[in-house]
């Protein structure tokens, strides 16, 4: 059975004393998932799940303390559950009690950490500076120049599959939307592949099947044919493969097959298959 310890305004200093700051945490967003703008948010009744981390970091400069303010207004109850093996973390600049409550799980050996101010600054490694961290391991200090503050990153929920790696290819990250005709280089485990968006799958930009004709009917009622808009002939090439088999049609008008078939109206061009 879980037991809860309720904390109000008068207990705020006790939080700082009882809960020590861990050296590193692995942030994942949990049930509360407070939303806010410019480092301010207002809590509703919610729970920080056991073994999870509610991580919020905001500062006007990377070296400044975390000033994210979590306000608990009247009626708001935030419960922090613990676990005997993996700690639960609530990471904010400060908590303002305005009639609300913070409720802590006091089950024996339930590990919980509540971090404030400078101790709650979150630095994540992004060696190639593409906005996507190598992992979600948060350091309270800047370990080296490859670490950047959380609020400056494009994402903390999607990690970079090519960071840190030899060469640190900044073209490879979960936010990549462009297609490439050459394979990845300088990325351990991904070199030679086309998985630029770290999805685990390869997507061809032009996956159209071989040249085909689609049936149509012209204004005179003839059953005739027209080519599909574009594609490969006779087969779809592999990623990065250059070929003279990409076609585009020059006339999509329905025609009487007794006069001309669709093969008369396509042009083969040289093209390379881009992938992502």
Protein backbone atom coordinates (compact mmCIF):
# COMPACT_ATOMS: atom_id res chain seq x y z
CA UNK A 1 0.00 0.00 0.00
CA UNK A 2 1.35 3.45 -0.86
CA UNK A 3 1.43 6.24 1.69
CA UNK A 4 1.47 9.89 0.73
CA UNK A 5 3.07 12.84 2.47
CA UNK A 6 1.47 16.19 1.76
CA UNK A 7 3.56 19.31 1.51
CA UNK A 8 2.29 22.88 1.65
CA UNK A 9 3.94 26.27 1.80
CA UNK A 10 5.48 25.71 5.22
CA UNK A 11 7.09 22.46 4.08
CA UNK A 12 8.81 23.88 1.04
CA UNK A 13 12.25 24.22 2.68
CA UNK A 14 12.03 20.63 3.90
CA UNK A 15 11.85 19.48 0.30
CA UNK A 16 15.16 21.11 -0.44
CA UNK A 17 16.79 19.51 2.58
CA UNK A 18 15.45 15.98 2.37
CA UNK A 19 15.88 15.27 -1.29
CA UNK A 20 19.45 15.25 -2.51
CA UNK A 21 20.37 16.08 -6.07
CA UNK A 22 21.42 13.13 -8.22
CA UNK A 23 24.40 13.54 -10.51
CA UNK A 24 22.49 12.55 -13.64
CA UNK A 25 18.90 11.87 -14.60
CA UNK A 26 17.27 10.40 -17.69
CA UNK A 27 14.27 12.61 -18.56
CA UNK A 28 11.09 11.21 -20.05
CA UNK A 29 7.79 12.98 -19.97
CA UNK A 30 5.14 11.47 -17.72
CA UNK A 31 1.52 11.96 -16.76
CA UNK A 32 1.67 15.61 -15.65
CA UNK A 33 3.59 16.91 -18.66
CA UNK A 34 3.17 20.53 -17.60
CA UNK A 35 2.91 22.92 -20.53
CA UNK A 36 4.03 26.52 -20.33
CA UNK A 37 5.52 29.50 -22.11
CA UNK A 38 8.78 31.25 -21.26
CA UNK A 39 9.40 29.18 -18.17
CA UNK A 40 6.04 29.52 -16.40
CA UNK A 41 3.39 26.87 -15.96
CA UNK A 42 0.37 26.20 -13.78
CA UNK A 43 -0.25 22.72 -12.46
CA UNK A 44 -3.51 20.83 -12.51
CA UNK A 45 -4.27 17.67 -10.58
CA UNK A 46 -1.92 15.05 -11.99
CA UNK A 47 0.71 12.47 -11.08
CA UNK A 48 4.40 12.15 -11.74
CA UNK A 49 4.61 8.41 -12.42
CA UNK A 50 7.09 6.24 -10.58
CA UNK A 51 10.48 5.90 -12.32
CA UNK A 52 9.68 8.81 -14.66
CA UNK A 53 11.00 12.35 -14.83
CA UNK A 54 9.16 15.64 -15.17
CA UNK A 55 11.96 17.80 -16.52
CA UNK A 56 11.62 21.56 -17.09
CA UNK A 57 14.47 23.96 -17.71
CA UNK A 58 14.40 27.62 -18.70
CA UNK A 59 17.00 30.38 -18.51
CA UNK A 60 17.83 33.59 -20.35
CA UNK A 61 21.39 32.32 -20.98
CA UNK A 62 22.93 28.87 -20.92
CA UNK A 63 25.02 29.61 -17.82
CA UNK A 64 22.08 30.99 -15.82
CA UNK A 65 20.06 29.03 -13.23
CA UNK A 66 16.85 27.28 -14.14
CA UNK A 67 14.01 29.75 -13.58
CA UNK A 68 11.10 27.57 -14.68
CA UNK A 69 8.27 28.33 -12.22
CA UNK A 70 5.65 25.73 -11.41
CA UNK A 71 2.65 27.28 -9.65
CA UNK A 72 0.21 25.14 -7.69
CA UNK A 73 -3.03 27.09 -7.48
CA UNK A 74 -5.98 26.24 -5.24
CA UNK A 75 -7.36 22.80 -6.11
CA UNK A 76 -4.22 21.59 -7.89
CA UNK A 77 -2.70 18.42 -6.45
CA UNK A 78 0.54 17.04 -7.90
CA UNK A 79 1.45 13.55 -6.67
CA UNK A 80 5.01 12.26 -7.00
CA UNK A 81 5.18 8.46 -6.87
CA UNK A 82 8.36 6.60 -6.04
CA UNK A 83 10.02 3.29 -6.86
CA UNK A 84 12.46 1.15 -4.90
CA UNK A 85 14.91 0.65 -7.77
CA UNK A 86 14.64 3.65 -10.13
CA UNK A 87 14.30 7.20 -8.87
CA UNK A 88 11.46 9.52 -9.83
CA UNK A 89 12.51 13.09 -10.65
CA UNK A 90 10.67 16.41 -10.66
CA UNK A 91 13.04 19.03 -12.10
CA UNK A 92 11.91 22.69 -12.01
CA UNK A 93 13.36 26.10 -11.23
CA UNK A 94 11.01 26.67 -8.33
CA UNK A 95 7.57 25.73 -7.04
CA UNK A 96 5.10 28.40 -5.91
CA UNK A 97 2.34 27.19 -3.60
CA UNK A 98 -0.81 29.24 -4.16
CA UNK A 99 -3.32 27.04 -2.37
CA UNK A 100 -2.29 23.85 -4.18
CA UNK A 101 -0.45 20.82 -2.82
CA UNK A 102 2.51 18.62 -3.61
CA UNK A 103 1.94 15.05 -2.44
CA UNK A 104 4.87 12.66 -2.04
CA UNK A 105 4.77 8.88 -1.96
CA UNK A 106 6.35 7.78 1.34
CA UNK A 107 6.41 4.06 0.64
CA UNK A 108 9.56 2.53 2.12
CA UNK A 109 12.60 2.97 -0.16
CA UNK A 110 10.60 4.92 -2.73
CA UNK A 111 13.24 6.97 -4.51
CA UNK A 112 12.31 10.56 -5.36
CA UNK A 113 14.36 13.63 -6.26
CA UNK A 114 13.04 17.18 -6.49
CA UNK A 115 15.52 19.64 -7.98
CA UNK A 116 15.47 23.43 -7.96
CA UNK A 117 17.38 26.40 -9.34
CA UNK A 118 21.03 25.87 -10.29
CA UNK A 119 20.82 22.21 -9.33
CA UNK A 120 17.95 21.79 -11.77
CA UNK A 121 19.86 23.10 -14.79
CA UNK A 122 19.78 20.45 -17.48
CA UNK A 123 22.67 19.99 -19.91
CA UNK A 124 22.32 17.39 -22.67
CA UNK A 125 25.06 16.27 -25.03
CA UNK A 126 24.59 17.42 -28.63
CA UNK A 127 28.07 17.06 -30.11
CA UNK A 128 27.07 17.94 -33.69
CA UNK A 129 24.90 20.90 -32.59
CA UNK A 130 21.90 19.88 -34.70
CA UNK A 131 19.42 20.37 -31.85
CA UNK A 132 18.97 16.67 -31.05
CA UNK A 133 20.75 15.19 -28.01
CA UNK A 134 22.80 12.02 -28.06
CA UNK A 135 20.66 10.65 -25.21
CA UNK A 136 18.35 11.86 -22.48
CA UNK A 137 20.97 11.78 -19.74
CA UNK A 138 20.82 15.18 -18.08
CA UNK A 139 23.80 16.74 -16.29
CA UNK A 140 23.35 19.63 -13.80
CA UNK A 141 26.57 21.20 -15.16
CA UNK A 142 28.14 21.63 -18.59
CA UNK A 143 30.51 18.69 -18.84
CA UNK A 144 32.24 20.08 -21.94
CA UNK A 145 31.52 22.21 -25.03
CA UNK A 146 29.39 19.45 -26.60
CA UNK A 147 26.73 19.90 -23.89
CA UNK A 148 23.87 22.37 -24.38
CA UNK A 149 21.01 23.53 -22.19
CA UNK A 150 17.69 21.76 -22.60
CA UNK A 151 15.72 24.85 -23.59
CA UNK A 152 18.05 25.48 -26.56
CA UNK A 153 17.51 22.06 -28.14
CA UNK A 154 15.00 21.28 -30.88
CA UNK A 155 13.85 18.14 -29.08
CA UNK A 156 14.52 16.12 -25.95
CA UNK A 157 12.09 13.31 -26.65
CA UNK A 158 13.80 12.25 -29.90
CA UNK A 159 17.48 11.37 -29.59
CA UNK A 160 20.10 11.58 -32.33
CA UNK A 161 21.22 8.20 -33.70
CA UNK A 162 24.45 9.78 -34.98
CA UNK A 163 25.63 11.73 -31.96
CA UNK A 164 28.16 11.41 -30.50
CA UNK A 165 29.92 9.45 -33.21
CA UNK A 166 33.14 9.84 -35.12
CA UNK A 167 32.58 12.81 -37.43
CA UNK A 168 29.26 13.74 -35.78
CA UNK A 169 27.22 13.99 -38.99
CA UNK A 170 24.72 16.80 -38.30
CA UNK A 171 22.64 15.82 -41.36
CA UNK A 172 21.50 12.73 -39.47
CA UNK A 173 18.85 13.39 -36.82
CA UNK A 174 15.18 12.59 -36.10
CA UNK A 175 14.03 15.90 -37.58
CA UNK A 176 15.62 15.39 -40.99
CA UNK A 177 13.03 15.72 -43.78
CA UNK A 178 15.28 16.03 -46.84
CA UNK A 179 16.11 13.13 -49.16
CA UNK A 180 19.71 12.29 -50.08
CA UNK A 181 21.29 10.61 -53.11
CA UNK A 182 24.45 9.62 -51.23
CA UNK A 183 24.66 7.35 -48.21
CA UNK A 184 25.59 8.43 -44.69
CA UNK A 185 29.25 8.89 -43.78
CA UNK A 186 31.01 9.37 -40.43
CA UNK A 187 28.31 7.75 -38.36
CA UNK A 188 29.11 4.52 -36.54
CA UNK A 189 26.42 1.94 -37.15
CA UNK A 190 24.76 4.03 -39.89
CA UNK A 191 27.58 4.64 -42.37
CA UNK A 192 26.59 3.34 -45.80
CA UNK A 193 22.87 3.49 -45.04
CA UNK A 194 20.26 6.13 -45.94
CA UNK A 195 18.50 6.34 -42.56
CA UNK A 196 19.03 10.09 -42.24
CA UNK A 197 16.01 10.57 -39.94
CA UNK A 198 16.92 7.78 -37.51
CA UNK A 199 13.59 6.04 -38.15
CA UNK A 200 15.03 2.58 -38.55
CA UNK A 201 13.53 2.29 -42.04
CA UNK A 202 14.62 3.54 -45.47
CA UNK A 203 12.15 5.59 -47.49
CA UNK A 204 12.59 6.07 -51.25
CA UNK A 205 11.50 9.47 -52.51
CA UNK A 206 10.26 7.99 -55.79
CA UNK A 207 8.89 4.51 -55.09
CA UNK A 208 6.65 4.39 -58.18
CA UNK A 209 6.26 1.06 -59.89
CA UNK A 210 7.27 0.34 -63.47
CA UNK A 211 5.81 2.17 -66.44
CA UNK A 212 2.16 1.39 -66.81
CA UNK A 213 -0.85 2.62 -68.74
CA UNK A 214 -4.12 3.52 -67.13
CA UNK A 215 -7.42 3.00 -68.90
CA UNK A 216 -9.53 6.03 -69.73
CA UNK A 217 -12.36 7.06 -72.00
CA UNK A 218 -12.17 10.06 -74.30
CA UNK A 219 -15.00 12.34 -75.28
CA UNK A 220 -15.90 10.18 -78.27
CA UNK A 221 -16.32 7.08 -76.15
CA UNK A 222 -13.16 5.30 -77.26
CA UNK A 223 -11.56 2.93 -74.77
CA UNK A 224 -7.98 4.12 -74.80
CA UNK A 225 -4.92 4.60 -72.64
CA UNK A 226 -2.69 7.20 -71.06
CA UNK A 227 0.59 6.81 -69.14
CA UNK A 228 0.83 7.26 -65.39
CA UNK A 229 2.41 10.60 -64.41
CA UNK A 230 5.99 9.43 -63.76
CA UNK A 231 7.95 6.47 -62.53
CA UNK A 232 10.75 4.00 -63.25
CA UNK A 233 11.16 1.64 -66.16
CA UNK A 234 11.63 -1.27 -66.02
CA UNK A 235 12.18 -1.34 -62.21
CA UNK A 236 12.57 0.96 -59.21
CA UNK A 237 16.31 1.46 -58.54
CA UNK A 238 18.03 1.17 -55.18
CA UNK A 239 18.83 4.21 -53.01
CA UNK A 240 21.62 6.28 -54.53
CA UNK A 241 21.54 4.36 -57.81
CA UNK A 242 21.84 6.44 -61.00
CA UNK A 243 19.90 5.19 -64.00
CA UNK A 244 18.49 6.34 -67.33
CA UNK A 245 15.15 4.76 -66.57
CA UNK A 246 13.11 7.50 -64.94
CA UNK A 247 10.24 8.52 -67.15
CA UNK A 248 7.81 11.40 -67.37
CA UNK A 249 4.88 11.56 -69.73
CA UNK A 250 4.49 14.35 -72.24
CA UNK A 251 0.88 13.84 -73.22
CA UNK A 252 -1.80 12.51 -70.91
CA UNK A 253 -4.65 12.82 -73.38
CA UNK A 254 -6.86 9.76 -73.78
CA UNK A 255 -6.18 8.19 -77.19
CA UNK A 256 -7.64 5.47 -79.35
CA UNK A 257 -5.22 2.49 -78.93
CA UNK A 258 -5.78 1.68 -82.61
CA UNK A 259 -3.99 4.97 -83.41
CA UNK A 260 -1.27 5.17 -80.74
CA UNK A 261 -0.53 3.54 -77.42
CA UNK A 262 0.79 5.22 -74.30
CA UNK A 263 4.40 4.16 -74.94
CA UNK A 264 4.57 6.86 -77.61
CA UNK A 265 4.20 9.59 -75.06
CA UNK A 266 6.85 9.06 -72.40
CA UNK A 267 10.47 10.19 -72.16
CA UNK A 268 13.25 8.41 -70.24
CA UNK A 269 15.66 10.65 -68.35
CA UNK A 270 18.70 10.11 -66.15
CA UNK A 271 17.95 10.23 -62.43
CA UNK A 272 19.29 9.04 -59.07
CA UNK A 273 17.02 7.58 -56.40
CA UNK A 274 17.03 9.83 -53.30
CA UNK A 275 16.25 8.23 -49.94
CA UNK A 276 15.71 9.14 -46.32
